[in-house]
Amino acid sequence: MSNIVDELADKLAKDVIAAAEELDDDLLPNRVAEVIGASSPSTEEAFRTAVRVRMAEARARRFLAEQLAKGRAARQGDSEQTAKPV
């Protein structure tokens, strides 16, 4: 039973995060969690966990992309400086 709860909570978390971004509503996941919790505390916890995991992963991916861009820009700048005659 736990597997189906986790799967459904994760799918809902994905949809709610997308809706929150579209609506520019950071509180939407919390409000949805409260609705879920009124009838199923275990599903609420699975949903909150899925939201936290997905949002943390998205933040980490943005950070990684920024670091890669900085590193590539620095390498590009270094190669341009070494290519110029002195």
N, C-alpha and C. Protein backbone atom coordinates (compact mmCIF):
# COMPACT_ATOMS: atom_id res chain seq x y z
N MET A 1 0.83 -1.20 0.00
CA MET A 1 0.00 0.00 0.00
C MET A 1 0.87 1.26 0.00
N SER A 2 1.97 1.20 0.71
CA SER A 2 2.87 2.36 0.78
C SER A 2 3.35 2.79 -0.59
N ASN A 3 3.61 1.82 -1.46
CA ASN A 3 4.09 2.13 -2.80
C ASN A 3 3.08 2.96 -3.58
N ILE A 4 1.82 2.59 -3.52
CA ILE A 4 0.79 3.34 -4.25
C ILE A 4 0.63 4.74 -3.66
N VAL A 5 0.73 4.86 -2.35
CA VAL A 5 0.64 6.18 -1.71
C VAL A 5 1.78 7.06 -2.19
N ASP A 6 2.99 6.50 -2.19
CA ASP A 6 4.16 7.27 -2.64
C ASP A 6 4.05 7.66 -4.11
N GLU A 7 3.60 6.74 -4.94
CA GLU A 7 3.46 7.03 -6.38
C GLU A 7 2.43 8.13 -6.63
N LEU A 8 1.27 8.01 -5.99
CA LEU A 8 0.23 9.01 -6.17
C LEU A 8 0.66 10.36 -5.60
N ALA A 9 1.30 10.34 -4.44
CA ALA A 9 1.76 11.59 -3.83
C ALA A 9 2.81 12.26 -4.71
N ASP A 10 3.71 11.47 -5.29
CA ASP A 10 4.75 12.04 -6.15
C ASP A 10 4.14 12.63 -7.42
N LYS A 11 3.20 11.93 -8.02
CA LYS A 11 2.54 12.45 -9.23
C LYS A 11 1.81 13.75 -8.91
N LEU A 12 1.10 13.77 -7.80
CA LEU A 12 0.39 14.99 -7.40
C LEU A 12 1.39 16.11 -7.10
N ALA A 13 2.48 15.79 -6.44
CA ALA A 13 3.50 16.81 -6.13
C ALA A 13 4.02 17.44 -7.42
N LYS A 14 4.30 16.62 -8.40
CA LYS A 14 4.79 17.12 -9.69
C LYS A 14 3.77 18.09 -10.31
N ASP A 15 2.51 17.69 -10.30
CA ASP A 15 1.45 18.53 -10.87
C ASP A 15 1.25 19.83 -10.08
N VAL A 16 1.30 19.73 -8.76
CA VAL A 16 1.09 20.91 -7.91
C VAL A 16 2.26 21.89 -8.05
N ILE A 17 3.47 21.38 -8.14
CA ILE A 17 4.63 22.27 -8.33
C ILE A 17 4.51 23.00 -9.66
N ALA A 18 4.11 22.30 -10.70
CA ALA A 18 3.92 22.94 -12.01
C ALA A 18 2.82 24.00 -11.93
N ALA A 19 1.73 23.68 -11.25
CA ALA A 19 0.63 24.64 -11.10
C ALA A 19 1.08 25.85 -10.28
N ALA A 20 1.84 25.61 -9.22
CA ALA A 20 2.33 26.71 -8.38
C ALA A 20 3.23 27.65 -9.19
N GLU A 21 4.06 27.08 -10.05
CA GLU A 21 4.91 27.91 -10.90
C GLU A 21 4.07 28.71 -11.90
N GLU A 22 3.10 28.04 -12.51
CA GLU A 22 2.24 28.72 -13.49
C GLU A 22 1.44 29.84 -12.85
N LEU A 23 0.95 29.60 -11.63
CA LEU A 23 0.12 30.58 -10.93
C LEU A 23 0.95 31.57 -10.10
N ASP A 24 2.26 31.34 -10.04
CA ASP A 24 3.15 32.14 -9.19
C ASP A 24 2.64 32.15 -7.75
N ASP A 25 2.36 30.95 -7.24
CA ASP A 25 1.77 30.77 -5.91
C ASP A 25 2.62 29.78 -5.11
N ASP A 26 3.57 30.29 -4.33
CA ASP A 26 4.46 29.44 -3.54
C ASP A 26 3.74 28.67 -2.44
N LEU A 27 2.57 29.13 -2.05
CA LEU A 27 1.84 28.49 -0.95
C LEU A 27 0.91 27.38 -1.41
N LEU A 28 0.75 27.21 -2.70
CA LEU A 28 -0.17 26.18 -3.20
C LEU A 28 0.16 24.79 -2.67
N PRO A 29 1.42 24.34 -2.69
CA PRO A 29 1.70 23.00 -2.15
C PRO A 29 1.27 22.84 -0.69
N ASN A 30 1.43 23.87 0.12
CA ASN A 30 1.01 23.78 1.53
C ASN A 30 -0.50 23.66 1.65
N ARG A 31 -1.21 24.42 0.85
CA ARG A 31 -2.68 24.37 0.90
C ARG A 31 -3.19 23.02 0.43
N VAL A 32 -2.58 22.48 -0.62
CA VAL A 32 -2.98 21.15 -1.11
C VAL A 32 -2.67 20.10 -0.03
N ALA A 33 -1.53 20.23 0.63
CA ALA A 33 -1.17 19.28 1.69
C ALA A 33 -2.20 19.30 2.82
N GLU A 34 -2.70 20.48 3.16
CA GLU A 34 -3.72 20.58 4.21
C GLU A 34 -5.00 19.88 3.79
N VAL A 35 -5.37 20.03 2.53
CA VAL A 35 -6.57 19.35 2.02
C VAL A 35 -6.38 17.84 2.11
N ILE A 36 -5.22 17.36 1.69
CA ILE A 36 -4.93 15.93 1.74
C ILE A 36 -4.96 15.44 3.19
N GLY A 37 -4.31 16.19 4.07
CA GLY A 37 -4.20 15.79 5.47
C GLY A 37 -5.52 15.66 6.19
N ALA A 38 -6.53 16.36 5.72
CA ALA A 38 -7.84 16.27 6.35
C ALA A 38 -8.42 14.87 6.23
N SER A 39 -8.02 14.14 5.20
CA SER A 39 -8.57 12.79 5.03
C SER A 39 -7.52 11.69 5.14
N SER A 40 -6.23 12.04 4.94
CA SER A 40 -5.20 11.01 5.00
C SER A 40 -3.85 11.60 5.41
N PRO A 41 -3.56 11.58 6.70
CA PRO A 41 -2.28 12.11 7.16
C PRO A 41 -1.07 11.42 6.54
N SER A 42 -1.16 10.12 6.30
CA SER A 42 -0.02 9.42 5.70
C SER A 42 0.21 9.87 4.26
N THR A 43 -0.86 10.14 3.54
CA THR A 43 -0.71 10.64 2.17
C THR A 43 -0.19 12.07 2.19
N GLU A 44 -0.62 12.85 3.18
CA GLU A 44 -0.11 14.22 3.31
C GLU A 44 1.40 14.20 3.50
N GLU A 45 1.88 13.34 4.38
CA GLU A 45 3.33 13.27 4.63
C GLU A 45 4.08 12.83 3.38
N ALA A 46 3.54 11.86 2.65
CA ALA A 46 4.18 11.41 1.41
C ALA A 46 4.21 12.54 0.39
N PHE A 47 3.13 13.30 0.31
CA PHE A 47 3.05 14.43 -0.61
C PHE A 47 4.06 15.51 -0.23
N ARG A 48 4.11 15.87 1.05
CA ARG A 48 5.06 16.91 1.50
C ARG A 48 6.50 16.47 1.23
N THR A 49 6.79 15.20 1.45
CA THR A 49 8.13 14.68 1.18
C THR A 49 8.44 14.78 -0.31
N ALA A 50 7.50 14.38 -1.15
CA ALA A 50 7.71 14.44 -2.60
C ALA A 50 7.92 15.88 -3.06
N VAL A 51 7.17 16.81 -2.52
CA VAL A 51 7.34 18.22 -2.88
C VAL A 51 8.73 18.70 -2.47
N ARG A 52 9.14 18.39 -1.25
CA ARG A 52 10.48 18.81 -0.78
C ARG A 52 11.58 18.23 -1.65
N VAL A 53 11.47 16.94 -1.97
CA VAL A 53 12.50 16.28 -2.77
C VAL A 53 12.55 16.88 -4.17
N ARG A 54 11.41 17.06 -4.79
CA ARG A 54 11.38 17.62 -6.15
C ARG A 54 11.88 19.07 -6.18
N MET A 55 11.51 19.86 -5.19
CA MET A 55 11.96 21.26 -5.16
C MET A 55 13.46 21.35 -4.86
N ALA A 56 13.96 20.48 -3.99
CA ALA A 56 15.40 20.46 -3.70
C ALA A 56 16.17 20.05 -4.94
N GLU A 57 15.66 19.07 -5.66
CA GLU A 57 16.33 18.63 -6.89
C GLU A 57 16.36 19.75 -7.93
N ALA A 58 15.26 20.48 -8.05
CA ALA A 58 15.21 21.60 -9.01
C ALA A 58 16.21 22.69 -8.62
N ARG A 59 16.30 23.00 -7.33
CA ARG A 59 17.28 24.00 -6.88
C ARG A 59 18.70 23.53 -7.15
N ALA A 60 18.96 22.27 -6.89
CA ALA A 60 20.30 21.72 -7.12
C ALA A 60 20.65 21.75 -8.60
N ARG A 61 19.70 21.45 -9.47
CA ARG A 61 19.96 21.49 -10.91
C ARG A 61 20.24 22.92 -11.39
N ARG A 62 19.49 23.90 -10.85
CA ARG A 62 19.76 25.30 -11.20
C ARG A 62 21.16 25.70 -10.75
N PHE A 63 21.52 25.31 -9.54
CA PHE A 63 22.85 25.61 -9.02
C PHE A 63 23.93 24.98 -9.91
N LEU A 64 23.74 23.73 -10.27
CA LEU A 64 24.71 23.04 -11.12
C LEU A 64 24.83 23.74 -12.47
N ALA A 65 23.71 24.12 -13.05
CA ALA A 65 23.74 24.82 -14.34
C ALA A 65 24.50 26.15 -14.22
N GLU A 66 24.27 26.87 -13.13
CA GLU A 66 24.99 28.14 -12.91
C GLU A 66 26.49 27.91 -12.77
N GLN A 67 26.87 26.89 -12.02
CA GLN A 67 28.29 26.60 -11.83
C GLN A 67 28.95 26.19 -13.14
N LEU A 68 28.26 25.38 -13.93
CA LEU A 68 28.79 24.99 -15.24
C LEU A 68 28.95 26.20 -16.14
N ALA A 69 27.95 27.08 -16.14
CA ALA A 69 28.03 28.28 -16.98
C ALA A 69 29.20 29.16 -16.56
N LYS A 70 29.39 29.33 -15.25
CA LYS A 70 30.52 30.13 -14.76
C LYS A 70 31.84 29.50 -15.16
N GLY A 71 31.95 28.20 -14.99
CA GLY A 71 33.18 27.50 -15.34
C GLY A 71 33.48 27.58 -16.82
N ARG A 72 32.45 27.41 -17.64
CA ARG A 72 32.64 27.49 -19.09
C ARG A 72 33.02 28.91 -19.51
N ALA A 73 32.39 29.90 -18.89
CA ALA A 73 32.72 31.29 -19.22
C ALA A 73 34.15 31.61 -18.82
N ALA A 74 34.58 31.10 -17.68
CA ALA A 74 35.95 31.34 -17.23
C ALA A 74 36.94 30.68 -18.17
N ARG A 75 36.65 29.46 -18.59
CA ARG A 75 37.54 28.77 -19.54
C ARG A 75 37.57 29.49 -20.87
N GLN A 76 36.41 29.98 -21.31
CA GLN A 76 36.33 30.72 -22.57
C GLN A 76 37.17 31.99 -22.47
N GLY A 77 37.06 32.69 -21.35
CA GLY A 77 37.84 33.90 -21.14
C GLY A 77 39.33 33.60 -21.10
N ASP A 78 39.71 32.50 -20.47
CA ASP A 78 41.12 32.10 -20.42
C ASP A 78 41.65 31.78 -21.80
N SER A 79 40.86 31.07 -22.60
CA SER A 79 41.33 30.70 -23.93
C SER A 79 41.41 31.91 -24.85
N GLU A 80 40.54 32.90 -24.66
CA GLU A 80 40.61 34.12 -25.46
C GLU A 80 41.85 34.93 -25.09
N GLN A 81 42.20 34.95 -23.82
CA GLN A 81 43.38 35.70 -23.39
C GLN A 81 44.66 35.05 -23.89
N THR A 82 44.71 33.74 -23.90
CA THR A 82 45.92 33.05 -24.35
C THR A 82 46.04 33.07 -25.86
N ALA A 83 44.94 33.28 -26.57
CA ALA A 83 44.97 33.32 -28.03
C ALA A 83 45.48 34.65 -28.56
N LYS A 84 45.41 35.72 -27.75
CA LYS A 84 45.84 37.05 -28.20
C LYS A 84 47.36 37.17 -28.11
N PRO A 85 47.98 37.70 -29.15
CA PRO A 85 49.43 37.91 -29.07
C PRO A 85 49.76 39.03 -28.10
N VAL A 86 50.85 38.87 -27.41
CA VAL A 86 51.27 39.87 -26.41
C VAL A 86 52.33 40.76 -26.97
